[in-house]
């Protein structure tokens, strides 16, 4: 009996990156790219589109406009019988790695080695296994242990998912009214979220919030 190929959706805001990843995957008979999206919001819409059909695996870029890969992964993970997910990033960053796992991703692949590791990562994800390339894992563990030895705070979820959404829009330059409209919440709720974010992060203004949003992978530098 012939096994059906894994149906893959690619999500990245750079067309050339998607094209390159598609070329890597479509050389493999067990992997088939069935849809592409330019950001997390578009990916969620395509997953609901009956014309696209079932998707087994979603490969998500970390940092994208409108909705990041991490935000989209959290939404996808809430679906009934969600597809497997892999995060694709140009950043060798332990915070992104840990947040990816928390969001429900099966693995974390660097774009710089995608031609070597992505196919193996896709297959591992479909077997229900986690995948992080060995060099990244050793670097992440070393950095994590160094930070603990120095007594530094290790990565964790500081903000709620809704606060992440508000922070992303603030960092992208949206006004409170625009944020309220985009998230379908009241202006008063936006201001409360803004105050909570500033208090939790110990920050004073939009500039500091924007720097934090870049480090957290919510927006691109």
C-alpha atoms as a PDB file:
ATOM      1  CA  UNK A   1       0.000   0.000   0.000  1.00  0.00           C
ATOM      2  CA  UNK A   2       1.391   3.431  -1.004  1.00  0.00           C
ATOM      3  CA  UNK A   3       1.779   5.901   1.886  1.00  0.00           C
ATOM      4  CA  UNK A   4       0.398   9.347   1.178  1.00  0.00           C
ATOM      5  CA  UNK A   5       3.019  12.143   1.372  1.00  0.00           C
ATOM      6  CA  UNK A   6       2.989  14.527   4.328  1.00  0.00           C
ATOM      7  CA  UNK A   7       0.981  17.634   3.362  1.00  0.00           C
ATOM      8  CA  UNK A   8       3.017  20.718   4.346  1.00  0.00           C
ATOM      9  CA  UNK A   9       2.119  24.411   4.688  1.00  0.00           C
ATOM     10  CA  UNK A  10       4.969  26.968   4.500  1.00  0.00           C
ATOM     11  CA  UNK A  11       4.570  30.233   6.420  1.00  0.00           C
ATOM     12  CA  UNK A  12       7.171  32.971   5.882  1.00  0.00           C
ATOM     13  CA  UNK A  13       6.840  36.626   4.880  1.00  0.00           C
ATOM     14  CA  UNK A  14       9.713  36.336   2.393  1.00  0.00           C
ATOM     15  CA  UNK A  15       8.703  34.816  -0.950  1.00  0.00           C
ATOM     16  CA  UNK A  16      12.275  33.807  -1.767  1.00  0.00           C
ATOM     17  CA  UNK A  17      12.609  31.913   1.513  1.00  0.00           C
ATOM     18  CA  UNK A  18       9.361  30.042   0.840  1.00  0.00           C
ATOM     19  CA  UNK A  19      10.558  29.225  -2.662  1.00  0.00           C
ATOM     20  CA  UNK A  20      13.860  27.865  -1.334  1.00  0.00           C
ATOM     21  CA  UNK A  21      12.167  25.787   1.369  1.00  0.00           C
ATOM     22  CA  UNK A  22       9.664  24.431  -1.163  1.00  0.00           C
ATOM     23  CA  UNK A  23      12.528  23.329  -3.418  1.00  0.00           C
ATOM     24  CA  UNK A  24      14.187  21.507  -0.510  1.00  0.00           C
ATOM     25  CA  UNK A  25      11.001  19.702   0.542  1.00  0.00           C
ATOM     26  CA  UNK A  26       9.630  18.837  -2.876  1.00  0.00           C
ATOM     27  CA  UNK A  27      12.744  16.848  -3.760  1.00  0.00           C
ATOM     28  CA  UNK A  28      11.466  14.306  -1.226  1.00  0.00           C
ATOM     29  CA  UNK A  29       8.708  11.904  -2.325  1.00  0.00           C
ATOM     30  CA  UNK A  30       7.204  11.759   1.188  1.00  0.00           C
ATOM     31  CA  UNK A  31       6.752  15.561   1.497  1.00  0.00           C
ATOM     32  CA  UNK A  32       4.312  17.715  -0.483  1.00  0.00           C
ATOM     33  CA  UNK A  33       3.885  21.495  -0.103  1.00  0.00           C
ATOM     34  CA  UNK A  34       0.139  22.159  -0.453  1.00  0.00           C
ATOM     35  CA  UNK A  35      -0.107  25.790   0.750  1.00  0.00           C
ATOM     36  CA  UNK A  36       1.954  28.915   1.433  1.00  0.00           C
ATOM     37  CA  UNK A  37       1.199  31.912   3.654  1.00  0.00           C
ATOM     38  CA  UNK A  38       2.953  35.244   4.213  1.00  0.00           C
ATOM     39  CA  UNK A  39       2.143  35.565   7.926  1.00  0.00           C
ATOM     40  CA  UNK A  40       0.464  33.775  10.817  1.00  0.00           C
ATOM     41  CA  UNK A  41      -2.981  35.262  10.230  1.00  0.00           C
ATOM     42  CA  UNK A  42      -3.000  34.102   6.614  1.00  0.00           C
ATOM     43  CA  UNK A  43      -1.881  30.634   7.728  1.00  0.00           C
ATOM     44  CA  UNK A  44      -4.818  30.363  10.144  1.00  0.00           C
ATOM     45  CA  UNK A  45      -7.222  31.413   7.386  1.00  0.00           C
ATOM     46  CA  UNK A  46      -5.776  28.812   4.987  1.00  0.00           C
ATOM     47  CA  UNK A  47      -6.093  26.062   7.594  1.00  0.00           C
ATOM     48  CA  UNK A  48      -9.826  26.823   7.700  1.00  0.00           C
ATOM     49  CA  UNK A  49     -10.127  26.874   3.890  1.00  0.00           C
ATOM     50  CA  UNK A  50     -11.738  23.631   2.609  1.00  0.00           C
ATOM     51  CA  UNK A  51     -10.096  24.145  -0.796  1.00  0.00           C
ATOM     52  CA  UNK A  52      -6.650  23.745   0.788  1.00  0.00           C
ATOM     53  CA  UNK A  53      -7.625  20.434   2.343  1.00  0.00           C
ATOM     54  CA  UNK A  54      -5.988  18.760   5.327  1.00  0.00           C
ATOM     55  CA  UNK A  55      -2.520  19.932   6.405  1.00  0.00           C
ATOM     56  CA  UNK A  56      -0.275  17.532   8.327  1.00  0.00           C
ATOM     57  CA  UNK A  57       2.647  19.859   9.086  1.00  0.00           C
ATOM     58  CA  UNK A  58       3.050  23.648   9.292  1.00  0.00           C
ATOM     59  CA  UNK A  59       6.545  25.155   8.952  1.00  0.00           C
ATOM     60  CA  UNK A  60       6.477  28.630  10.538  1.00  0.00           C
ATOM     61  CA  UNK A  61       8.959  31.486  10.446  1.00  0.00           C
ATOM     62  CA  UNK A  62       9.443  33.006  13.921  1.00  0.00           C
ATOM     63  CA  UNK A  63       9.226  36.738  13.089  1.00  0.00           C
ATOM     64  CA  UNK A  64       6.550  37.956  10.660  1.00  0.00           C
ATOM     65  CA  UNK A  65       4.299  41.027  10.355  1.00  0.00           C
ATOM     66  CA  UNK A  66       0.673  41.008  11.594  1.00  0.00           C
ATOM     67  CA  UNK A  67       1.003  37.687  13.458  1.00  0.00           C
ATOM     68  CA  UNK A  68       4.296  35.987  14.324  1.00  0.00           C
ATOM     69  CA  UNK A  69       5.006  32.296  13.991  1.00  0.00           C
ATOM     70  CA  UNK A  70       4.879  31.895  17.772  1.00  0.00           C
ATOM     71  CA  UNK A  71       1.471  33.590  17.989  1.00  0.00           C
ATOM     72  CA  UNK A  72       0.147  31.485  15.105  1.00  0.00           C
ATOM     73  CA  UNK A  73       1.536  28.292  16.674  1.00  0.00           C
ATOM     74  CA  UNK A  74      -0.352  29.001  19.903  1.00  0.00           C
ATOM     75  CA  UNK A  75      -3.574  29.438  17.926  1.00  0.00           C
ATOM     76  CA  UNK A  76      -2.966  26.326  15.827  1.00  0.00           C
ATOM     77  CA  UNK A  77      -2.245  24.257  18.955  1.00  0.00           C
ATOM     78  CA  UNK A  78      -5.730  25.107  20.260  1.00  0.00           C
ATOM     79  CA  UNK A  79      -7.401  23.511  17.226  1.00  0.00           C
ATOM     80  CA  UNK A  80      -9.041  20.125  17.481  1.00  0.00           C
ATOM     81  CA  UNK A  81      -6.518  17.587  16.122  1.00  0.00           C
ATOM     82  CA  UNK A  82      -3.924  20.267  15.176  1.00  0.00           C
ATOM     83  CA  UNK A  83      -1.220  19.637  12.559  1.00  0.00           C
ATOM     84  CA  UNK A  84       2.378  19.189  13.655  1.00  0.00           C
ATOM     85  CA  UNK A  85       4.469  22.372  13.676  1.00  0.00           C
ATOM     86  CA  UNK A  86       8.116  23.286  13.094  1.00  0.00           C
ATOM     87  CA  UNK A  87       9.654  26.706  13.708  1.00  0.00           C
ATOM     88  CA  UNK A  88      12.118  28.091  11.170  1.00  0.00           C
ATOM     89  CA  UNK A  89      14.385  30.925  12.295  1.00  0.00           C
ATOM     90  CA  UNK A  90      17.512  32.857  11.378  1.00  0.00           C
ATOM     91  CA  UNK A  91      18.207  33.315  15.113  1.00  0.00           C
ATOM     92  CA  UNK A  92      20.138  30.865  17.298  1.00  0.00           C
ATOM     93  CA  UNK A  93      18.321  32.113  20.373  1.00  0.00           C
ATOM     94  CA  UNK A  94      17.346  30.113  23.452  1.00  0.00           C
ATOM     95  CA  UNK A  95      14.293  32.266  24.244  1.00  0.00           C
ATOM     96  CA  UNK A  96      12.814  31.584  20.795  1.00  0.00           C
ATOM     97  CA  UNK A  97      13.573  27.881  21.231  1.00  0.00           C
ATOM     98  CA  UNK A  98      11.856  27.545  24.603  1.00  0.00           C
ATOM     99  CA  UNK A  99       8.887  29.676  23.497  1.00  0.00           C
ATOM    100  CA  UNK A 100       8.556  27.496  20.368  1.00  0.00           C
ATOM    101  CA  UNK A 101       8.264  24.361  22.476  1.00  0.00           C
ATOM    102  CA  UNK A 102       5.754  26.045  24.798  1.00  0.00           C
ATOM    103  CA  UNK A 103       3.704  27.086  21.766  1.00  0.00           C
ATOM    104  CA  UNK A 104       3.430  23.455  20.668  1.00  0.00           C
ATOM    105  CA  UNK A 105       6.129  23.176  17.991  1.00  0.00           C
ATOM    106  CA  UNK A 106       7.920  19.854  17.504  1.00  0.00           C
ATOM    107  CA  UNK A 107      11.227  21.413  16.540  1.00  0.00           C
ATOM    108  CA  UNK A 108      13.358  24.432  15.780  1.00  0.00           C
ATOM    109  CA  UNK A 109      15.430  24.676  12.578  1.00  0.00           C
ATOM    110  CA  UNK A 110      17.871  27.443  11.645  1.00  0.00           C
ATOM    111  CA  UNK A 111      17.419  28.862   8.143  1.00  0.00           C
ATOM    112  CA  UNK A 112      21.190  28.772   7.656  1.00  0.00           C
ATOM    113  CA  UNK A 113      21.155  24.962   7.799  1.00  0.00           C
ATOM    114  CA  UNK A 114      17.663  24.324   6.448  1.00  0.00           C
ATOM    115  CA  UNK A 115      19.071  22.515   3.411  1.00  0.00           C
ATOM    116  CA  UNK A 116      20.752  20.026   5.765  1.00  0.00           C
ATOM    117  CA  UNK A 117      18.214  19.669   8.576  1.00  0.00           C
ATOM    118  CA  UNK A 118      14.715  20.600   7.457  1.00  0.00           C
ATOM    119  CA  UNK A 119      13.784  17.296   5.805  1.00  0.00           C
ATOM    120  CA  UNK A 120      14.949  15.322   8.857  1.00  0.00           C
ATOM    121  CA  UNK A 121      13.051  17.743  11.118  1.00  0.00           C
ATOM    122  CA  UNK A 122       9.835  17.273   9.107  1.00  0.00           C
ATOM    123  CA  UNK A 123      10.104  13.503   9.342  1.00  0.00           C
ATOM    124  CA  UNK A 124      10.885  13.642  13.068  1.00  0.00           C
ATOM    125  CA  UNK A 125       7.863  15.877  13.684  1.00  0.00           C
ATOM    126  CA  UNK A 126       5.594  13.463  11.817  1.00  0.00           C
ATOM    127  CA  UNK A 127       6.929  10.603  13.987  1.00  0.00           C
ATOM    128  CA  UNK A 128       5.956  12.625  17.049  1.00  0.00           C
ATOM    129  CA  UNK A 129       9.587  13.368  17.964  1.00  0.00           C
ATOM    130  CA  UNK A 130      11.224  16.686  18.853  1.00  0.00           C
ATOM    131  CA  UNK A 131      13.981  18.029  16.588  1.00  0.00           C
ATOM    132  CA  UNK A 132      16.695  20.570  17.302  1.00  0.00           C
ATOM    133  CA  UNK A 133      19.950  20.302  15.379  1.00  0.00           C
ATOM    134  CA  UNK A 134      22.853  19.169  17.618  1.00  0.00           C
ATOM    135  CA  UNK A 135      24.887  22.395  17.385  1.00  0.00           C
ATOM    136  CA  UNK A 136      21.916  24.464  18.471  1.00  0.00           C
ATOM    137  CA  UNK A 137      21.074  22.147  21.350  1.00  0.00           C
ATOM    138  CA  UNK A 138      24.582  22.225  22.806  1.00  0.00           C
ATOM    139  CA  UNK A 139      24.740  26.024  22.439  1.00  0.00           C
ATOM    140  CA  UNK A 140      21.325  26.451  24.044  1.00  0.00           C
ATOM    141  CA  UNK A 141      22.114  24.172  26.967  1.00  0.00           C
ATOM    142  CA  UNK A 142      25.525  25.802  27.503  1.00  0.00           C
ATOM    143  CA  UNK A 143      24.023  29.298  27.465  1.00  0.00           C
ATOM    144  CA  UNK A 144      21.162  28.228  29.754  1.00  0.00           C
ATOM    145  CA  UNK A 145      23.565  26.720  32.322  1.00  0.00           C
ATOM    146  CA  UNK A 146      25.880  29.749  32.133  1.00  0.00           C
ATOM    147  CA  UNK A 147      22.983  32.068  32.895  1.00  0.00           C
ATOM    148  CA  UNK A 148      21.902  29.956  35.871  1.00  0.00           C
ATOM    149  CA  UNK A 149      25.491  29.955  37.215  1.00  0.00           C
ATOM    150  CA  UNK A 150      25.594  33.751  36.903  1.00  0.00           C
ATOM    151  CA  UNK A 151      22.330  33.950  38.846  1.00  0.00           C
ATOM    152  CA  UNK A 152      20.444  35.465  35.911  1.00  0.00           C
ATOM    153  CA  UNK A 153      16.751  34.991  35.334  1.00  0.00           C
ATOM    154  CA  UNK A 154      16.222  32.193  32.796  1.00  0.00           C
ATOM    155  CA  UNK A 155      13.737  32.563  29.929  1.00  0.00           C
ATOM    156  CA  UNK A 156      10.082  32.207  30.699  1.00  0.00           C
ATOM    157  CA  UNK A 157       6.725  33.554  29.650  1.00  0.00           C
ATOM    158  CA  UNK A 158       6.527  37.010  31.180  1.00  0.00           C
ATOM    159  CA  UNK A 159       3.452  38.215  29.318  1.00  0.00           C
ATOM    160  CA  UNK A 160       0.126  36.561  28.554  1.00  0.00           C
ATOM    161  CA  UNK A 161      -0.736  35.692  24.938  1.00  0.00           C
ATOM    162  CA  UNK A 162      -3.085  38.727  24.764  1.00  0.00           C
ATOM    163  CA  UNK A 163      -0.384  41.028  26.166  1.00  0.00           C
ATOM    164  CA  UNK A 164       1.998  39.687  23.498  1.00  0.00           C
ATOM    165  CA  UNK A 165      -0.575  40.681  20.853  1.00  0.00           C
ATOM    166  CA  UNK A 166      -0.946  44.189  22.296  1.00  0.00           C
ATOM    167  CA  UNK A 167       2.834  44.591  22.642  1.00  0.00           C
ATOM    168  CA  UNK A 168       3.403  43.554  19.014  1.00  0.00           C
ATOM    169  CA  UNK A 169       0.921  46.159  17.767  1.00  0.00           C
ATOM    170  CA  UNK A 170       2.385  48.879  20.031  1.00  0.00           C
ATOM    171  CA  UNK A 171       5.888  48.081  18.728  1.00  0.00           C
ATOM    172  CA  UNK A 172       4.615  48.234  15.134  1.00  0.00           C
ATOM    173  CA  UNK A 173       3.381  51.776  15.770  1.00  0.00           C
ATOM    174  CA  UNK A 174      -0.372  51.203  16.166  1.00  0.00           C
ATOM    175  CA  UNK A 175      -2.316  53.679  18.292  1.00  0.00           C
ATOM    176  CA  UNK A 176      -4.503  52.509  21.188  1.00  0.00           C
ATOM    177  CA  UNK A 177      -7.617  53.049  19.046  1.00  0.00           C
ATOM    178  CA  UNK A 178      -6.121  50.979  16.207  1.00  0.00           C
ATOM    179  CA  UNK A 179      -5.190  48.211  18.642  1.00  0.00           C
ATOM    180  CA  UNK A 180      -8.709  48.195  20.119  1.00  0.00           C
ATOM    181  CA  UNK A 181     -10.163  47.907  16.623  1.00  0.00           C
ATOM    182  CA  UNK A 182      -7.708  45.177  15.511  1.00  0.00           C
ATOM    183  CA  UNK A 183      -8.261  42.997  18.589  1.00  0.00           C
ATOM    184  CA  UNK A 184     -11.981  43.822  19.019  1.00  0.00           C
ATOM    185  CA  UNK A 185     -11.520  45.035  22.586  1.00  0.00           C
ATOM    186  CA  UNK A 186     -12.325  48.322  24.301  1.00  0.00           C
ATOM    187  CA  UNK A 187      -9.935  51.287  24.454  1.00  0.00           C
ATOM    188  CA  UNK A 188      -9.960  50.973  28.249  1.00  0.00           C
ATOM    189  CA  UNK A 189      -8.854  47.317  27.985  1.00  0.00           C
ATOM    190  CA  UNK A 190      -6.000  48.292  25.648  1.00  0.00           C
ATOM    191  CA  UNK A 191      -4.777  50.900  28.123  1.00  0.00           C
ATOM    192  CA  UNK A 192      -4.974  48.377  30.960  1.00  0.00           C
ATOM    193  CA  UNK A 193      -2.934  45.875  28.938  1.00  0.00           C
ATOM    194  CA  UNK A 194      -0.397  48.598  28.093  1.00  0.00           C
ATOM    195  CA  UNK A 195      -0.002  49.508  31.781  1.00  0.00           C
ATOM    196  CA  UNK A 196       0.377  45.837  32.759  1.00  0.00           C
ATOM    197  CA  UNK A 197       3.009  45.263  30.054  1.00  0.00           C
ATOM    198  CA  UNK A 198       5.072  48.268  31.143  1.00  0.00           C
ATOM    199  CA  UNK A 199       4.816  47.205  34.801  1.00  0.00           C
ATOM    200  CA  UNK A 200       5.739  43.558  34.163  1.00  0.00           C
ATOM    201  CA  UNK A 201       8.706  44.430  31.960  1.00  0.00           C
ATOM    202  CA  UNK A 202       9.846  47.360  34.087  1.00  0.00           C
ATOM    203  CA  UNK A 203       9.809  49.684  31.078  1.00  0.00           C
ATOM    204  CA  UNK A 204       8.705  53.266  30.520  1.00  0.00           C
ATOM    205  CA  UNK A 205       8.008  53.897  26.828  1.00  0.00           C
ATOM    206  CA  UNK A 206       7.379  52.575  23.316  1.00  0.00           C
ATOM    207  CA  UNK A 207      11.102  52.574  22.422  1.00  0.00           C
ATOM    208  CA  UNK A 208      11.940  50.151  25.219  1.00  0.00           C
ATOM    209  CA  UNK A 209       8.896  48.023  24.369  1.00  0.00           C
ATOM    210  CA  UNK A 210       9.972  47.871  20.723  1.00  0.00           C
ATOM    211  CA  UNK A 211      13.447  46.655  21.685  1.00  0.00           C
ATOM    212  CA  UNK A 212      11.882  43.966  23.881  1.00  0.00           C
ATOM    213  CA  UNK A 213       9.474  42.942  21.075  1.00  0.00           C
ATOM    214  CA  UNK A 214      12.439  42.458  18.701  1.00  0.00           C
ATOM    215  CA  UNK A 215      14.315  40.316  21.264  1.00  0.00           C
ATOM    216  CA  UNK A 216      11.164  38.251  21.908  1.00  0.00           C
ATOM    217  CA  UNK A 217      10.664  37.572  18.196  1.00  0.00           C
ATOM    218  CA  UNK A 218       7.372  39.504  17.991  1.00  0.00           C
ATOM    219  CA  UNK A 219       8.660  41.844  15.288  1.00  0.00           C
ATOM    220  CA  UNK A 220      11.684  41.952  13.009  1.00  0.00           C
ATOM    221  CA  UNK A 221      14.473  44.483  13.608  1.00  0.00           C
END
